[in-house]
Amino acid sequence: MSKAKIKELSTQQQIDIVRDKLLDVMEDVQNEVNVPNFIYGALYTITELTYDTAPNPIQAQLLINQAIMAHLEHREDIDKDPYIKKLKKGKK
């Protein structure tokens, strides 16, 4: 990855950008890749990036676990989640 200067955005704003871009990719490939395979591919790639960029395997594991725990702690009603609605868009 390039060391280009990152815009002065909050951590949450940066996370939101990444989430939105991943959802856009999913929408782009939804007619070519089914959801479980997309998720597996995305998780595999993210896990690979995490282990390749973390200072050590323990830090990589902690980062992955922290992301899962943050999601579980802040998750509300799945039917009200705007990101889930975006994924379901186009499904009949």
PDB file of N, CA and C in Angstrom:
ATOM      1  N   MET A   1       0.835  -1.170   0.000  1.00  0.00           N
ATOM      2  CA  MET A   1       0.000   0.000   0.000  1.00  0.00           C
ATOM      3  C   MET A   1       0.884   1.238   0.000  1.00  0.00           C
ATOM      4  N   SER A   2       0.411   2.255  -0.619  1.00  0.00           N
ATOM      5  CA  SER A   2       1.136   3.509  -0.706  1.00  0.00           C
ATOM      6  C   SER A   2       1.051   4.265   0.618  1.00  0.00           C
ATOM      7  N   LYS A   3       2.051   5.055   0.887  1.00  0.00           N
ATOM      8  CA  LYS A   3       2.083   5.851   2.118  1.00  0.00           C
ATOM      9  C   LYS A   3       1.525   7.253   1.863  1.00  0.00           C
ATOM     10  N   ALA A   4       0.519   7.373   0.991  1.00  0.00           N
ATOM     11  CA  ALA A   4      -0.103   8.663   0.724  1.00  0.00           C
ATOM     12  C   ALA A   4      -0.706   9.210   2.007  1.00  0.00           C
ATOM     13  N   LYS A   5      -0.749  10.532   2.103  1.00  0.00           N
ATOM     14  CA  LYS A   5      -1.275  11.160   3.314  1.00  0.00           C
ATOM     15  C   LYS A   5      -2.760  10.850   3.460  1.00  0.00           C
ATOM     16  N   ILE A   6      -3.150  10.373   4.646  1.00  0.00           N
ATOM     17  CA  ILE A   6      -4.543  10.065   4.944  1.00  0.00           C
ATOM     18  C   ILE A   6      -5.238  11.359   5.324  1.00  0.00           C
ATOM     19  N   LYS A   7      -6.437  11.561   4.789  1.00  0.00           N
ATOM     20  CA  LYS A   7      -7.216  12.743   5.144  1.00  0.00           C
ATOM     21  C   LYS A   7      -7.429  12.765   6.651  1.00  0.00           C
ATOM     22  N   GLU A   8      -7.579  13.949   7.187  1.00  0.00           N
ATOM     23  CA  GLU A   8      -7.806  14.109   8.620  1.00  0.00           C
ATOM     24  C   GLU A   8      -9.260  13.778   8.952  1.00  0.00           C
ATOM     25  N   LEU A   9      -9.576  12.501   8.973  1.00  0.00           N
ATOM     26  CA  LEU A   9     -10.909  12.023   9.308  1.00  0.00           C
ATOM     27  C   LEU A   9     -10.837  11.262  10.614  1.00  0.00           C
ATOM     28  N   SER A  10     -11.946  11.234  11.314  1.00  0.00           N
ATOM     29  CA  SER A  10     -11.985  10.457  12.552  1.00  0.00           C
ATOM     30  C   SER A  10     -11.874   8.972  12.213  1.00  0.00           C
ATOM     31  N   THR A  11     -11.562   8.191  13.222  1.00  0.00           N
ATOM     32  CA  THR A  11     -11.495   6.743  13.029  1.00  0.00           C
ATOM     33  C   THR A  11     -12.825   6.222  12.513  1.00  0.00           C
ATOM     34  N   GLN A  12     -13.940   6.675  13.101  1.00  0.00           N
ATOM     35  CA  GLN A  12     -15.258   6.205  12.669  1.00  0.00           C
ATOM     36  C   GLN A  12     -15.533   6.591  11.223  1.00  0.00           C
ATOM     37  N   GLN A  13     -15.144   7.790  10.807  1.00  0.00           N
ATOM     38  CA  GLN A  13     -15.346   8.199   9.419  1.00  0.00           C
ATOM     39  C   GLN A  13     -14.547   7.317   8.468  1.00  0.00           C
ATOM     40  N   GLN A  14     -13.326   6.966   8.857  1.00  0.00           N
ATOM     41  CA  GLN A  14     -12.511   6.094   8.023  1.00  0.00           C
ATOM     42  C   GLN A  14     -13.120   4.699   7.939  1.00  0.00           C
ATOM     43  N   ILE A  15     -13.613   4.190   9.062  1.00  0.00           N
ATOM     44  CA  ILE A  15     -14.260   2.873   9.077  1.00  0.00           C
ATOM     45  C   ILE A  15     -15.505   2.888   8.193  1.00  0.00           C
ATOM     46  N   ASP A  16     -16.286   3.965   8.271  1.00  0.00           N
ATOM     47  CA  ASP A  16     -17.487   4.084   7.448  1.00  0.00           C
ATOM     48  C   ASP A  16     -17.154   4.080   5.964  1.00  0.00           C
ATOM     49  N   ILE A  17     -16.063   4.744   5.571  1.00  0.00           N
ATOM     50  CA  ILE A  17     -15.646   4.750   4.165  1.00  0.00           C
ATOM     51  C   ILE A  17     -15.316   3.332   3.707  1.00  0.00           C
ATOM     52  N   VAL A  18     -14.545   2.609   4.511  1.00  0.00           N
ATOM     53  CA  VAL A  18     -14.173   1.237   4.150  1.00  0.00           C
ATOM     54  C   VAL A  18     -15.419   0.362   4.031  1.00  0.00           C
ATOM     55  N   ARG A  19     -16.321   0.466   5.001  1.00  0.00           N
ATOM     56  CA  ARG A  19     -17.559  -0.324   4.993  1.00  0.00           C
ATOM     57  C   ARG A  19     -18.375  -0.021   3.738  1.00  0.00           C
ATOM     58  N   ASP A  20     -18.534   1.266   3.423  1.00  0.00           N
ATOM     59  CA  ASP A  20     -19.309   1.646   2.244  1.00  0.00           C
ATOM     60  C   ASP A  20     -18.678   1.116   0.959  1.00  0.00           C
ATOM     61  N   LYS A  21     -17.369   1.173   0.865  1.00  0.00           N
ATOM     62  CA  LYS A  21     -16.678   0.675  -0.333  1.00  0.00           C
ATOM     63  C   LYS A  21     -16.834  -0.836  -0.470  1.00  0.00           C
ATOM     64  N   LEU A  22     -16.732  -1.575   0.652  1.00  0.00           N
ATOM     65  CA  LEU A  22     -16.918  -3.025   0.597  1.00  0.00           C
ATOM     66  C   LEU A  22     -18.345  -3.381   0.174  1.00  0.00           C
ATOM     67  N   LEU A  23     -19.328  -2.626   0.677  1.00  0.00           N
ATOM     68  CA  LEU A  23     -20.713  -2.876   0.273  1.00  0.00           C
ATOM     69  C   LEU A  23     -20.916  -2.559  -1.205  1.00  0.00           C
ATOM     70  N   ASP A  24     -20.235  -1.519  -1.700  1.00  0.00           N
ATOM     71  CA  ASP A  24     -20.309  -1.198  -3.127  1.00  0.00           C
ATOM     72  C   ASP A  24     -19.735  -2.337  -3.964  1.00  0.00           C
ATOM     73  N   VAL A  25     -18.615  -2.893  -3.527  1.00  0.00           N
ATOM     74  CA  VAL A  25     -18.014  -4.026  -4.236  1.00  0.00           C
ATOM     75  C   VAL A  25     -18.986  -5.195  -4.255  1.00  0.00           C
ATOM     76  N   MET A  26     -19.615  -5.456  -3.114  1.00  0.00           N
ATOM     77  CA  MET A  26     -20.565  -6.564  -3.049  1.00  0.00           C
ATOM     78  C   MET A  26     -21.712  -6.348  -4.027  1.00  0.00           C
ATOM     79  N   GLU A  27     -22.230  -5.118  -4.089  1.00  0.00           N
ATOM     80  CA  GLU A  27     -23.298  -4.831  -5.044  1.00  0.00           C
ATOM     81  C   GLU A  27     -22.816  -5.041  -6.479  1.00  0.00           C
ATOM     82  N   ASP A  28     -21.572  -4.674  -6.759  1.00  0.00           N
ATOM     83  CA  ASP A  28     -21.024  -4.822  -8.111  1.00  0.00           C
ATOM     84  C   ASP A  28     -20.914  -6.281  -8.545  1.00  0.00           C
ATOM     85  N   VAL A  29     -20.648  -7.179  -7.598  1.00  0.00           N
ATOM     86  CA  VAL A  29     -20.421  -8.584  -7.966  1.00  0.00           C
ATOM     87  C   VAL A  29     -21.580  -9.507  -7.584  1.00  0.00           C
ATOM     88  N   GLN A  30     -22.698  -8.942  -7.118  1.00  0.00           N
ATOM     89  CA  GLN A  30     -23.784  -9.776  -6.606  1.00  0.00           C
ATOM     90  C   GLN A  30     -24.359 -10.734  -7.645  1.00  0.00           C
ATOM     91  N   ASN A  31     -24.196 -10.448  -8.920  1.00  0.00           N
ATOM     92  CA  ASN A  31     -24.703 -11.354  -9.948  1.00  0.00           C
ATOM     93  C   ASN A  31     -23.676 -12.399 -10.356  1.00  0.00           C
ATOM     94  N   GLU A  32     -22.462 -12.283  -9.837  1.00  0.00           N
ATOM     95  CA  GLU A  32     -21.398 -13.227 -10.169  1.00  0.00           C
ATOM     96  C   GLU A  32     -20.983 -14.107  -9.003  1.00  0.00           C
ATOM     97  N   VAL A  33     -21.191 -13.610  -7.780  1.00  0.00           N
ATOM     98  CA  VAL A  33     -20.699 -14.287  -6.583  1.00  0.00           C
ATOM     99  C   VAL A  33     -21.828 -14.346  -5.565  1.00  0.00           C
ATOM    100  N   ASN A  34     -22.055 -15.526  -4.999  1.00  0.00           N
ATOM    101  CA  ASN A  34     -23.106 -15.584  -3.975  1.00  0.00           C
ATOM    102  C   ASN A  34     -22.569 -15.050  -2.653  1.00  0.00           C
ATOM    103  N   VAL A  35     -23.490 -14.667  -1.765  1.00  0.00           N
ATOM    104  CA  VAL A  35     -23.124 -13.989  -0.516  1.00  0.00           C
ATOM    105  C   VAL A  35     -22.133 -14.792   0.327  1.00  0.00           C
ATOM    106  N   PRO A  36     -22.370 -16.085   0.587  1.00  0.00           N
ATOM    107  CA  PRO A  36     -21.382 -16.810   1.414  1.00  0.00           C
ATOM    108  C   PRO A  36     -19.976 -16.796   0.814  1.00  0.00           C
ATOM    109  N   ASN A  37     -19.853 -16.927  -0.506  1.00  0.00           N
ATOM    110  CA  ASN A  37     -18.521 -16.905  -1.120  1.00  0.00           C
ATOM    111  C   ASN A  37     -17.910 -15.510  -1.086  1.00  0.00           C
ATOM    112  N   PHE A  38     -18.735 -14.480  -1.227  1.00  0.00           N
ATOM    113  CA  PHE A  38     -18.218 -13.117  -1.093  1.00  0.00           C
ATOM    114  C   PHE A  38     -17.681 -12.894   0.315  1.00  0.00           C
ATOM    115  N   ILE A  39     -18.460 -13.300   1.297  1.00  0.00           N
ATOM    116  CA  ILE A  39     -18.051 -13.111   2.692  1.00  0.00           C
ATOM    117  C   ILE A  39     -16.776 -13.884   2.980  1.00  0.00           C
ATOM    118  N   TYR A  40     -16.707 -15.140   2.533  1.00  0.00           N
ATOM    119  CA  TYR A  40     -15.494 -15.928   2.753  1.00  0.00           C
ATOM    120  C   TYR A  40     -14.290 -15.250   2.104  1.00  0.00           C
ATOM    121  N   GLY A  41     -14.449 -14.815   0.862  1.00  0.00           N
ATOM    122  CA  GLY A  41     -13.346 -14.152   0.162  1.00  0.00           C
ATOM    123  C   GLY A  41     -12.917 -12.867   0.847  1.00  0.00           C
ATOM    124  N   ALA A  42     -13.897 -12.075   1.286  1.00  0.00           N
ATOM    125  CA  ALA A  42     -13.583 -10.825   1.971  1.00  0.00           C
ATOM    126  C   ALA A  42     -12.877 -11.103   3.302  1.00  0.00           C
ATOM    127  N   LEU A  43     -13.416 -12.044   4.081  1.00  0.00           N
ATOM    128  CA  LEU A  43     -12.804 -12.373   5.369  1.00  0.00           C
ATOM    129  C   LEU A  43     -11.396 -12.944   5.204  1.00  0.00           C
ATOM    130  N   TYR A  44     -11.219 -13.799   4.204  1.00  0.00           N
ATOM    131  CA  TYR A  44      -9.902 -14.374   3.958  1.00  0.00           C
ATOM    132  C   TYR A  44      -8.897 -13.270   3.637  1.00  0.00           C
ATOM    133  N   THR A  45      -9.308 -12.342   2.757  1.00  0.00           N
ATOM    134  CA  THR A  45      -8.423 -11.251   2.356  1.00  0.00           C
ATOM    135  C   THR A  45      -8.123 -10.325   3.527  1.00  0.00           C
ATOM    136  N   ILE A  46      -9.138  -9.994   4.315  1.00  0.00           N
ATOM    137  CA  ILE A  46      -8.940  -9.119   5.468  1.00  0.00           C
ATOM    138  C   ILE A  46      -8.049  -9.793   6.509  1.00  0.00           C
ATOM    139  N   THR A  47      -8.244 -11.090   6.726  1.00  0.00           N
ATOM    140  CA  THR A  47      -7.394 -11.822   7.663  1.00  0.00           C
ATOM    141  C   THR A  47      -5.951 -11.826   7.179  1.00  0.00           C
ATOM    142  N   GLU A  48      -5.774 -12.062   5.894  1.00  0.00           N
ATOM    143  CA  GLU A  48      -4.435 -12.058   5.313  1.00  0.00           C
ATOM    144  C   GLU A  48      -3.772 -10.684   5.488  1.00  0.00           C
ATOM    145  N   LEU A  49      -4.515  -9.614   5.195  1.00  0.00           N
ATOM    146  CA  LEU A  49      -3.984  -8.257   5.374  1.00  0.00           C
ATOM    147  C   LEU A  49      -3.655  -7.965   6.830  1.00  0.00           C
ATOM    148  N   THR A  50      -4.521  -8.428   7.729  1.00  0.00           N
ATOM    149  CA  THR A  50      -4.303  -8.188   9.153  1.00  0.00           C
ATOM    150  C   THR A  50      -2.999  -8.836   9.608  1.00  0.00           C
ATOM    151  N   TYR A  51      -2.797 -10.092   9.246  1.00  0.00           N
ATOM    152  CA  TYR A  51      -1.579 -10.796   9.657  1.00  0.00           C
ATOM    153  C   TYR A  51      -0.345 -10.246   8.954  1.00  0.00           C
ATOM    154  N   ASP A  52      -0.498  -9.776   7.706  1.00  0.00           N
ATOM    155  CA  ASP A  52       0.647  -9.235   6.976  1.00  0.00           C
ATOM    156  C   ASP A  52       1.078  -7.865   7.486  1.00  0.00           C
ATOM    157  N   THR A  53       0.146  -7.104   8.090  1.00  0.00           N
ATOM    158  CA  THR A  53       0.478  -5.737   8.495  1.00  0.00           C
ATOM    159  C   THR A  53       0.632  -5.559  10.012  1.00  0.00           C
ATOM    160  N   ALA A  54       0.165  -6.499  10.789  1.00  0.00           N
ATOM    161  CA  ALA A  54       0.294  -6.396  12.245  1.00  0.00           C
ATOM    162  C   ALA A  54       1.751  -6.637  12.648  1.00  0.00           C
ATOM    163  N   PRO A  55       2.166  -6.066  13.773  1.00  0.00           N
ATOM    164  CA  PRO A  55       3.545  -6.274  14.222  1.00  0.00           C
ATOM    165  C   PRO A  55       3.862  -7.733  14.562  1.00  0.00           C
ATOM    166  N   ASN A  56       2.830  -8.481  14.969  1.00  0.00           N
ATOM    167  CA  ASN A  56       3.031  -9.893  15.278  1.00  0.00           C
ATOM    168  C   ASN A  56       1.676 -10.606  15.232  1.00  0.00           C
ATOM    169  N   PRO A  57       1.684 -11.933  15.203  1.00  0.00           N
ATOM    170  CA  PRO A  57       0.428 -12.681  15.098  1.00  0.00           C
ATOM    171  C   PRO A  57      -0.539 -12.438  16.261  1.00  0.00           C
ATOM    172  N   ILE A  58      -0.024 -12.191  17.440  1.00  0.00           N
ATOM    173  CA  ILE A  58      -0.904 -11.945  18.584  1.00  0.00           C
ATOM    174  C   ILE A  58      -1.678 -10.640  18.383  1.00  0.00           C
ATOM    175  N   GLN A  59      -0.997  -9.609  17.896  1.00  0.00           N
ATOM    176  CA  GLN A  59      -1.671  -8.337  17.627  1.00  0.00           C
ATOM    177  C   GLN A  59      -2.720  -8.497  16.527  1.00  0.00           C
ATOM    178  N   ALA A  60      -2.414  -9.306  15.534  1.00  0.00           N
ATOM    179  CA  ALA A  60      -3.379  -9.549  14.457  1.00  0.00           C
ATOM    180  C   ALA A  60      -4.628 -10.219  15.019  1.00  0.00           C
ATOM    181  N   GLN A  61      -4.434 -11.226  15.844  1.00  0.00           N
ATOM    182  CA  GLN A  61      -5.556 -11.936  16.464  1.00  0.00           C
ATOM    183  C   GLN A  61      -6.383 -10.993  17.329  1.00  0.00           C
ATOM    184  N   LEU A  62      -5.708 -10.148  18.109  1.00  0.00           N
ATOM    185  CA  LEU A  62      -6.418  -9.185  18.952  1.00  0.00           C
ATOM    186  C   LEU A  62      -7.241  -8.205  18.125  1.00  0.00           C
ATOM    187  N   LEU A  63      -6.684  -7.741  17.023  1.00  0.00           N
ATOM    188  CA  LEU A  63      -7.403  -6.804  16.166  1.00  0.00           C
ATOM    189  C   LEU A  63      -8.659  -7.441  15.581  1.00  0.00           C
ATOM    190  N   ILE A  64      -8.540  -8.663  15.109  1.00  0.00           N
ATOM    191  CA  ILE A  64      -9.697  -9.373  14.562  1.00  0.00           C
ATOM    192  C   ILE A  64     -10.746  -9.585  15.652  1.00  0.00           C
ATOM    193  N   ASN A  65     -10.314 -10.033  16.831  1.00  0.00           N
ATOM    194  CA  ASN A  65     -11.258 -10.249  17.928  1.00  0.00           C
ATOM    195  C   ASN A  65     -11.914  -8.944  18.382  1.00  0.00           C
ATOM    196  N   GLN A  66     -11.155  -7.852  18.417  1.00  0.00           N
ATOM    197  CA  GLN A  66     -11.721  -6.556  18.806  1.00  0.00           C
ATOM    198  C   GLN A  66     -12.799  -6.114  17.821  1.00  0.00           C
ATOM    199  N   ALA A  67     -12.576  -6.337  16.546  1.00  0.00           N
ATOM    200  CA  ALA A  67     -13.572  -5.965  15.539  1.00  0.00           C
ATOM    201  C   ALA A  67     -14.855  -6.773  15.729  1.00  0.00           C
ATOM    202  N   ILE A  68     -14.715  -8.059  15.994  1.00  0.00           N
ATOM    203  CA  ILE A  68     -15.889  -8.908  16.221  1.00  0.00           C
ATOM    204  C   ILE A  68     -16.630  -8.454  17.471  1.00  0.00           C
ATOM    205  N   MET A  69     -15.906  -8.208  18.556  1.00  0.00           N
ATOM    206  CA  MET A  69     -16.543  -7.801  19.807  1.00  0.00           C
ATOM    207  C   MET A  69     -17.219  -6.435  19.676  1.00  0.00           C
ATOM    208  N   ALA A  70     -16.587  -5.499  18.984  1.00  0.00           N
ATOM    209  CA  ALA A  70     -17.195  -4.182  18.786  1.00  0.00           C
ATOM    210  C   ALA A  70     -18.497  -4.315  18.015  1.00  0.00           C
ATOM    211  N   HIS A  71     -18.488  -5.182  17.021  1.00  0.00           N
ATOM    212  CA  HIS A  71     -19.710  -5.407  16.245  1.00  0.00           C
ATOM    213  C   HIS A  71     -20.812  -5.980  17.132  1.00  0.00           C
ATOM    214  N   LEU A  72     -20.488  -6.985  17.910  1.00  0.00           N
ATOM    215  CA  LEU A  72     -21.496  -7.624  18.760  1.00  0.00           C
ATOM    216  C   LEU A  72     -22.023  -6.669  19.836  1.00  0.00           C
ATOM    217  N   GLU A  73     -21.150  -5.841  20.380  1.00  0.00           N
ATOM    218  CA  GLU A  73     -21.560  -4.914  21.432  1.00  0.00           C
ATOM    219  C   GLU A  73     -22.451  -3.794  20.922  1.00  0.00           C
ATOM    220  N   HIS A  74     -22.245  -3.376  19.688  1.00  0.00           N
ATOM    221  CA  HIS A  74     -22.976  -2.227  19.160  1.00  0.00           C
ATOM    222  C   HIS A  74     -24.103  -2.616  18.211  1.00  0.00           C
ATOM    223  N   ARG A  75     -24.259  -3.879  17.974  1.00  0.00           N
ATOM    224  CA  ARG A  75     -25.300  -4.351  17.053  1.00  0.00           C
ATOM    225  C   ARG A  75     -26.663  -4.212  17.702  1.00  0.00           C
ATOM    226  N   GLU A  76     -27.560  -3.639  16.967  1.00  0.00           N
ATOM    227  CA  GLU A  76     -28.929  -3.518  17.454  1.00  0.00           C
ATOM    228  C   GLU A  76     -29.803  -4.447  16.624  1.00  0.00           C
ATOM    229  N   ASP A  77     -31.026  -4.085  16.444  1.00  0.00           N
ATOM    230  CA  ASP A  77     -31.966  -4.896  15.678  1.00  0.00           C
ATOM    231  C   ASP A  77     -31.483  -5.015  14.234  1.00  0.00           C
ATOM    232  N   ILE A  78     -31.239  -6.233  13.783  1.00  0.00           N
ATOM    233  CA  ILE A  78     -30.717  -6.474  12.434  1.00  0.00           C
ATOM    234  C   ILE A  78     -31.647  -5.905  11.361  1.00  0.00           C
ATOM    235  N   ASP A  79     -32.947  -5.871  11.622  1.00  0.00           N
ATOM    236  CA  ASP A  79     -33.892  -5.361  10.632  1.00  0.00           C
ATOM    237  C   ASP A  79     -33.820  -3.843  10.488  1.00  0.00           C
ATOM    238  N   LYS A  80     -33.195  -3.157  11.442  1.00  0.00           N
ATOM    239  CA  LYS A  80     -33.074  -1.703  11.380  1.00  0.00           C
ATOM    240  C   LYS A  80     -31.687  -1.261  10.917  1.00  0.00           C
ATOM    241  N   ASP A  81     -30.781  -2.190  10.722  1.00  0.00           N
ATOM    242  CA  ASP A  81     -29.410  -1.867  10.337  1.00  0.00           C
ATOM    243  C   ASP A  81     -29.381  -1.397   8.882  1.00  0.00           C
ATOM    244  N   PRO A  82     -28.986  -0.137   8.621  1.00  0.00           N
ATOM    245  CA  PRO A  82     -28.993   0.364   7.242  1.00  0.00           C
ATOM    246  C   PRO A  82     -28.038  -0.386   6.326  1.00  0.00           C
ATOM    247  N   TYR A  83     -26.966  -0.958   6.878  1.00  0.00           N
ATOM    248  CA  TYR A  83     -26.021  -1.690   6.042  1.00  0.00           C
ATOM    249  C   TYR A  83     -26.616  -3.016   5.594  1.00  0.00           C
ATOM    250  N   ILE A  84     -27.378  -3.667   6.459  1.00  0.00           N
ATOM    251  CA  ILE A  84     -28.040  -4.903   6.079  1.00  0.00           C
ATOM    252  C   ILE A  84     -29.093  -4.615   5.023  1.00  0.00           C
ATOM    253  N   LYS A  85     -29.829  -3.519   5.193  1.00  0.00           N
ATOM    254  CA  LYS A  85     -30.825  -3.138   4.190  1.00  0.00           C
ATOM    255  C   LYS A  85     -30.155  -2.910   2.845  1.00  0.00           C
ATOM    256  N   LYS A  86     -28.992  -2.290   2.842  1.00  0.00           N
ATOM    257  CA  LYS A  86     -28.281  -2.031   1.585  1.00  0.00           C
ATOM    258  C   LYS A  86     -27.900  -3.353   0.920  1.00  0.00           C
ATOM    259  N   LEU A  87     -27.470  -4.338   1.704  1.00  0.00           N
ATOM    260  CA  LEU A  87     -27.113  -5.637   1.148  1.00  0.00           C
ATOM    261  C   LEU A  87     -28.331  -6.346   0.579  1.00  0.00           C
ATOM    262  N   LYS A  88     -29.479  -6.188   1.244  1.00  0.00           N
ATOM    263  CA  LYS A  88     -30.687  -6.864   0.810  1.00  0.00           C
ATOM    264  C   LYS A  88     -31.336  -6.176  -0.377  1.00  0.00           C
ATOM    265  N   LYS A  89     -30.922  -4.933  -0.664  1.00  0.00           N
ATOM    266  CA  LYS A  89     -31.479  -4.193  -1.786  1.00  0.00           C
ATOM    267  C   LYS A  89     -31.309  -5.015  -3.057  1.00  0.00           C
ATOM    268  N   GLY A  90     -32.320  -5.107  -3.820  1.00  0.00           N
ATOM    269  CA  GLY A  90     -32.258  -5.877  -5.048  1.00  0.00           C
ATOM    270  C   GLY A  90     -32.660  -7.328  -4.874  1.00  0.00           C
ATOM    271  N   LYS A  91     -32.689  -7.812  -3.656  1.00  0.00           N
ATOM    272  CA  LYS A  91     -33.153  -9.174  -3.384  1.00  0.00           C
ATOM    273  C   LYS A  91     -34.664  -9.181  -3.377  1.00  0.00           C
ATOM    274  N   LYS A  92     -35.249 -10.169  -3.942  1.00  0.00           N
ATOM    275  CA  LYS A  92     -36.704 -10.233  -3.984  1.00  0.00           C
ATOM    276  C   LYS A  92     -37.214 -11.407  -3.212  1.00  0.00           C
TER     277      LYS A  92
END
